[in-house]
Protein backbone atom coordinates (compact mmCIF):
# COMPACT_ATOMS: atom_id res chain seq x y z
CA MET A 1 16.89 18.16 -18.50
CA LYS A 2 14.26 15.84 -18.68
CA ARG A 3 12.02 15.57 -21.31
CA SER A 4 8.39 16.57 -19.17
CA THR A 5 10.04 19.47 -18.45
CA LYS A 6 11.46 20.75 -21.83
CA ARG A 7 7.65 20.18 -23.00
CA ARG A 8 6.51 22.21 -19.99
CA LEU A 9 9.10 25.01 -20.82
CA ARG A 10 7.77 25.13 -23.85
CA GLN A 11 4.02 25.38 -23.46
CA GLY A 12 5.25 28.06 -21.02
CA VAL A 13 7.12 30.08 -22.91
CA LEU A 14 4.58 30.01 -25.75
CA TYR A 15 1.85 30.15 -23.35
CA GLY A 16 3.44 33.97 -22.45
CA VAL A 17 3.60 34.84 -26.15
CA LEU A 18 -0.18 34.42 -26.23
CA ALA A 19 -0.86 36.91 -24.11
CA ALA A 20 1.78 39.03 -24.31
CA VAL A 21 -0.23 39.55 -28.21
CA VAL A 22 -3.82 39.65 -26.23
CA VAL A 23 -2.28 42.66 -23.91
CA PHE A 24 -0.60 44.59 -27.20
CA LEU A 25 -3.96 44.30 -28.52
CA ALA A 26 -6.07 44.96 -25.73
CA VAL A 27 -4.00 48.02 -25.19
CA SER A 28 -3.68 49.11 -28.57
CA VAL A 29 -7.31 49.55 -29.37
CA ASP A 30 -9.31 52.36 -29.04
CA TRP A 31 -12.34 51.49 -26.84
CA PRO A 32 -14.42 53.92 -26.76
CA ASN A 33 -14.37 53.95 -31.33
CA VAL A 34 -14.36 50.81 -30.75
CA ARG A 35 -18.03 50.95 -28.34
CA ALA A 36 -19.34 54.01 -30.74
CA ASN A 37 -19.26 51.98 -34.11
CA PHE A 38 -19.79 47.87 -32.85
CA TRP A 39 -22.44 48.53 -29.47
CA ALA A 40 -23.89 52.05 -30.05
CA PRO A 41 -26.93 53.49 -27.81
CA GLY A 42 -30.32 52.64 -28.43
CA LEU A 43 -30.24 48.59 -29.11
CA ALA A 44 -33.04 48.10 -27.94
CA GLY A 45 -35.88 48.41 -30.70
CA ASN A 46 -33.06 46.92 -32.75
CA TRP A 47 -33.69 43.52 -31.14
CA HIS A 48 -37.59 43.15 -31.80
CA ASP A 49 -37.86 43.50 -35.85
CA LEU A 50 -34.39 41.21 -35.47
CA ILE A 51 -35.83 38.19 -33.75
CA VAL A 52 -38.82 38.30 -34.59
CA THR A 53 -38.66 38.96 -38.47
CA GLY A 54 -35.24 38.60 -39.00
CA VAL A 55 -34.43 35.14 -37.14
CA LYS A 56 -38.06 33.97 -37.93
CA ASN A 57 -37.92 34.27 -41.75
CA THR A 58 -34.18 32.68 -41.98
CA ALA A 59 -36.24 29.86 -39.85
CA VAL A 60 -38.23 29.27 -42.40
CA TYR A 61 -36.06 29.76 -45.52
CA THR A 62 -33.83 27.15 -43.82
CA ILE A 63 -36.33 24.52 -43.04
CA ILE A 64 -37.92 25.41 -46.50
CA ALA A 65 -34.92 24.88 -48.55
CA PHE A 66 -33.17 21.92 -46.83
CA ALA A 67 -36.33 19.77 -46.71
CA LEU A 68 -36.99 20.06 -50.59
CA GLY A 69 -33.00 19.86 -50.99
CA LEU A 70 -32.80 16.76 -49.51
CA ALA A 71 -35.69 15.21 -51.12
CA LEU A 72 -33.94 16.76 -54.67
CA ALA A 73 -30.55 15.08 -53.05
CA LEU A 74 -32.36 11.80 -52.42
CA LEU A 75 -33.46 11.68 -55.91
CA LEU A 76 -30.27 12.45 -57.50
CA ALA A 77 -28.74 10.18 -55.52
CA LEU A 78 -30.79 7.36 -56.47
CA MET A 79 -30.26 8.45 -60.61
CA LYS A 80 -27.17 8.43 -59.58
CA MET A 81 -26.96 4.88 -58.52
CA SER A 82 -29.15 3.83 -60.84
CA ASP A 83 -28.49 1.19 -64.07
CA VAL A 84 -29.80 3.19 -66.54
CA VAL A 85 -27.09 5.10 -68.03
CA ALA A 86 -29.29 8.23 -68.83
CA TYR A 87 -29.99 8.95 -65.43
CA ARG A 88 -26.81 8.65 -64.25
CA TRP A 89 -25.97 11.43 -66.90
CA LEU A 90 -28.76 13.62 -65.97
CA ALA A 91 -28.00 13.09 -61.99
CA THR A 92 -24.00 13.93 -62.28
CA GLY A 93 -24.77 17.21 -64.97
CA TYR A 94 -27.07 18.51 -62.80
CA ILE A 95 -24.76 18.15 -59.35
CA GLU A 96 -21.68 19.22 -60.54
CA LEU A 97 -23.77 22.29 -62.97
CA PHE A 98 -24.86 23.47 -59.06
CA ARG A 99 -22.01 22.63 -57.03
CA GLY A 100 -19.90 24.51 -59.38
CA LEU A 101 -21.70 27.70 -59.74
CA PRO A 102 -21.71 29.98 -56.14
CA ALA A 103 -24.75 29.65 -54.61
CA LEU A 104 -25.67 33.90 -55.35
CA VAL A 105 -25.22 33.24 -59.37
CA THR A 106 -28.01 30.50 -58.67
CA ILE A 107 -30.43 32.79 -56.80
CA LEU A 108 -29.87 35.73 -59.32
CA PHE A 109 -31.10 33.27 -61.43
CA MET A 110 -33.36 31.89 -60.14
CA ALA A 111 -34.90 35.55 -58.93
CA PHE A 112 -34.16 37.56 -62.57
CA ALA A 113 -33.74 35.81 -65.36
CA VAL A 114 -35.78 32.64 -65.22
CA PRO A 115 -38.88 34.63 -64.36
CA ILE A 116 -38.24 36.88 -67.59
CA ALA A 117 -37.30 34.27 -69.73
CA PHE A 118 -40.30 31.68 -68.63
CA HIS A 119 -43.21 34.24 -67.51
CA TRP A 120 -42.79 32.31 -64.40
CA LYS A 121 -44.07 33.59 -61.10
CA PRO A 122 -42.55 32.39 -58.68
CA PRO A 123 -44.48 31.94 -55.26
CA GLY A 124 -43.29 34.95 -52.84
CA GLY A 125 -41.91 36.92 -55.20
CA THR A 126 -38.16 37.27 -55.44
CA ALA A 127 -37.31 35.70 -51.71
CA GLY A 128 -39.78 33.00 -53.09
CA ALA A 129 -37.44 32.29 -56.20
CA GLY A 130 -34.56 33.20 -54.07
CA VAL A 131 -35.35 30.21 -52.04
CA VAL A 132 -35.46 27.93 -55.05
CA GLY A 133 -32.19 28.59 -55.85
CA LEU A 134 -30.73 27.72 -52.64
CA VAL A 135 -33.22 24.54 -52.79
CA LEU A 136 -30.82 23.55 -56.32
CA VAL A 137 -27.57 23.98 -54.43
CA ALA A 138 -28.20 22.53 -51.39
CA GLY A 139 -29.96 19.35 -53.10
CA ALA A 140 -26.72 18.93 -55.69
CA TYR A 141 -24.62 19.29 -52.06
CA MET A 142 -26.54 16.77 -50.27
CA ALA A 143 -27.25 14.32 -53.59
CA GLU A 144 -23.46 13.42 -53.09
CA THR A 145 -23.89 12.88 -49.15
CA LEU A 146 -26.35 10.91 -49.48
CA ARG A 147 -25.09 8.84 -52.49
CA ALA A 148 -21.93 8.19 -49.99
CA GLY A 149 -24.34 7.28 -47.48
CA LEU A 150 -26.16 4.61 -49.23
CA GLN A 151 -23.10 3.16 -50.74
CA ALA A 152 -21.25 2.65 -47.39
CA VAL A 153 -24.42 0.51 -46.11
CA PRO A 154 -23.03 -2.90 -46.72
CA LYS A 155 -24.36 -5.04 -49.13
CA GLY A 156 -25.33 -7.92 -47.01
CA GLN A 157 -28.06 -5.79 -45.23
CA ALA A 158 -29.69 -5.97 -49.10
CA GLU A 159 -28.85 -9.23 -49.63
CA ALA A 160 -30.32 -10.73 -46.49
CA ALA A 161 -33.59 -8.55 -47.36
CA ARG A 162 -33.88 -9.70 -50.71
CA SER A 163 -33.40 -13.39 -49.43
CA LEU A 164 -36.84 -13.14 -47.41
CA GLY A 165 -38.58 -11.81 -50.03
CA MET A 166 -38.53 -8.16 -50.30
CA GLY A 167 -38.42 -6.63 -53.71
CA PRO A 168 -36.10 -4.23 -54.64
CA VAL A 169 -37.83 -0.94 -53.52
CA ALA A 170 -39.07 -2.23 -50.36
CA THR A 171 -35.57 -3.21 -49.46
CA MET A 172 -34.14 0.07 -50.65
CA VAL A 173 -36.72 2.40 -48.83
CA HIS A 174 -37.35 0.04 -45.47
CA ILE A 175 -33.44 -1.33 -45.02
CA VAL A 176 -31.00 0.90 -46.82
CA ILE A 177 -32.28 4.64 -47.03
CA PRO A 178 -32.69 4.40 -42.93
CA GLN A 179 -29.70 3.12 -42.14
CA ALA A 180 -27.99 5.76 -44.55
CA PHE A 181 -29.38 8.68 -42.78
CA ARG A 182 -28.51 7.63 -39.48
CA ILE A 183 -24.39 7.36 -41.16
CA ILE A 184 -24.83 10.89 -42.63
CA ILE A 185 -26.53 12.71 -40.02
CA PRO A 186 -23.00 14.59 -38.83
CA PRO A 187 -22.70 15.82 -42.52
CA LEU A 188 -26.38 16.38 -43.24
CA THR A 189 -26.62 18.69 -39.84
CA ASN A 190 -23.34 20.48 -41.16
CA GLU A 191 -25.31 21.16 -44.31
CA PHE A 192 -27.66 22.78 -42.71
CA VAL A 193 -25.49 25.20 -40.87
CA LEU A 194 -24.13 25.98 -44.05
CA LEU A 195 -28.10 26.74 -45.46
CA ILE A 196 -28.68 28.85 -42.43
CA LYS A 197 -25.67 31.19 -43.34
CA ASP A 198 -26.60 30.69 -47.17
CA THR A 199 -29.84 32.52 -46.61
CA SER A 200 -27.96 35.65 -45.85
CA LEU A 201 -27.53 36.23 -50.10
CA LEU A 202 -30.72 36.39 -50.13
CA SER A 203 -30.56 39.86 -48.83
CA ILE A 204 -29.34 40.83 -52.23
CA VAL A 205 -32.76 40.12 -54.37
CA GLY A 206 -34.46 41.92 -52.07
CA ALA A 207 -38.03 41.01 -50.40
CA THR A 208 -41.55 42.62 -48.64
CA VAL A 209 -40.99 44.31 -44.77
CA GLY A 210 -42.48 40.59 -43.81
CA GLN A 211 -40.15 37.97 -46.34
CA ARG A 212 -37.00 40.08 -44.72
CA GLU A 213 -34.35 37.63 -43.69
CA LEU A 214 -31.31 38.78 -40.59
CA THR A 215 -29.20 40.25 -42.91
CA ASN A 216 -31.79 42.06 -45.25
CA VAL A 217 -33.14 43.40 -41.75
CA MET A 218 -29.62 44.36 -40.09
CA ARG A 219 -28.94 46.26 -43.56
CA ASP A 220 -32.52 48.35 -43.10
CA PHE A 221 -31.26 49.49 -39.80
CA GLN A 222 -27.92 49.95 -40.60
CA THR A 223 -29.66 52.65 -43.26
CA SER A 224 -32.30 54.16 -40.93
CA GLY A 225 -32.32 55.25 -37.45
CA ASN A 226 -30.01 55.50 -34.70
CA THR A 227 -27.71 53.23 -35.93
CA THR A 228 -26.51 54.89 -38.91
CA GLY A 229 -23.18 54.33 -40.12
CA THR A 230 -22.33 51.81 -37.48
CA ALA A 231 -21.91 48.40 -37.70
CA THR A 232 -24.53 47.91 -34.80
CA SER A 233 -26.64 46.07 -36.45
CA LEU A 234 -24.34 44.23 -38.09
CA THR A 235 -23.01 43.08 -34.67
CA GLN A 236 -26.57 42.12 -33.15
CA ALA A 237 -27.17 40.16 -36.43
CA ALA A 238 -23.87 38.32 -35.23
CA LEU A 239 -24.51 37.43 -32.13
CA LEU A 240 -27.64 36.07 -33.36
CA TYR A 241 -26.41 34.00 -36.20
CA LEU A 242 -23.36 32.45 -33.94
CA VAL A 243 -26.60 31.87 -30.89
CA ILE A 244 -28.14 29.97 -33.99
CA THR A 245 -25.23 27.98 -35.36
CA LEU A 246 -22.79 27.57 -32.71
CA PRO A 247 -25.24 24.74 -30.61
CA LEU A 248 -25.44 23.19 -34.23
CA THR A 249 -22.33 22.83 -35.30
CA ARG A 250 -21.12 21.43 -31.13
CA LEU A 251 -24.51 18.99 -32.40
CA VAL A 252 -22.69 17.92 -35.33
CA ALA A 253 -18.95 17.79 -33.28
CA TRP A 254 -21.24 15.31 -30.75
CA GLN A 255 -22.96 13.55 -33.58
CA GLU A 256 -19.18 12.37 -34.99
CA LYS A 257 -17.60 11.55 -31.62
CA ARG A 258 -20.66 9.04 -30.95
CA GLN A 259 -20.17 7.69 -34.15
CA GLN A 260 -16.23 7.13 -34.10
CA ARG A 261 -17.36 5.41 -30.60
CA ALA A 262 -19.75 3.29 -31.84
CA ARG A 263 -17.50 1.97 -34.19
């Protein structure tokens, strides 16, 4: 028997096993019970608050956390690459601390412990303090990504700029940093996707009606209205998260393939 024939037979067997498993699961599932729990009637009213309040605030919190976290990450990356030993130690200590702590612990610290200890009134209340926690965590993770990108820029680029009379700061701002950002666009996009999902952690600290993100709105629907005791609102929130994140993850894959072709 030819090798190609064996390969086709093996693939046919594998497809057959997969089809049998799918049919078995489809037959064994209690579909009426699934519909009653995951897609109960009376959904129309949920979508408005989930989208207008939940999705909007999730987007706002993500953009704020990403923008401020990126600025913090750039500062940390430059400190870690500095000739000043104290700066390198501070940056390394910060990065290791906030990468080692769970994001939820950091959010709880910023929402409850820090305001009490330092008499700090966070902007936006506990939700604003939670966003600050996300900024601290995102900055730590993106700092290592930025440092890798800065170090990936060929040294000849900086040397050429210096030979043309550009100073160290101008070389870093106009030559090195722009090239580094082009290199790290895919991992930064991936970090943006992770931040979208991490905003769900803000639901643990509470928020006013207008400050609720997507998970918080979903929890409110789970405990009230005609979907009480079912996973209907959870299913709706999951679908909305997928609508937001799946295009971004495909964008990351496209960017990575594009960079591979360029190399």
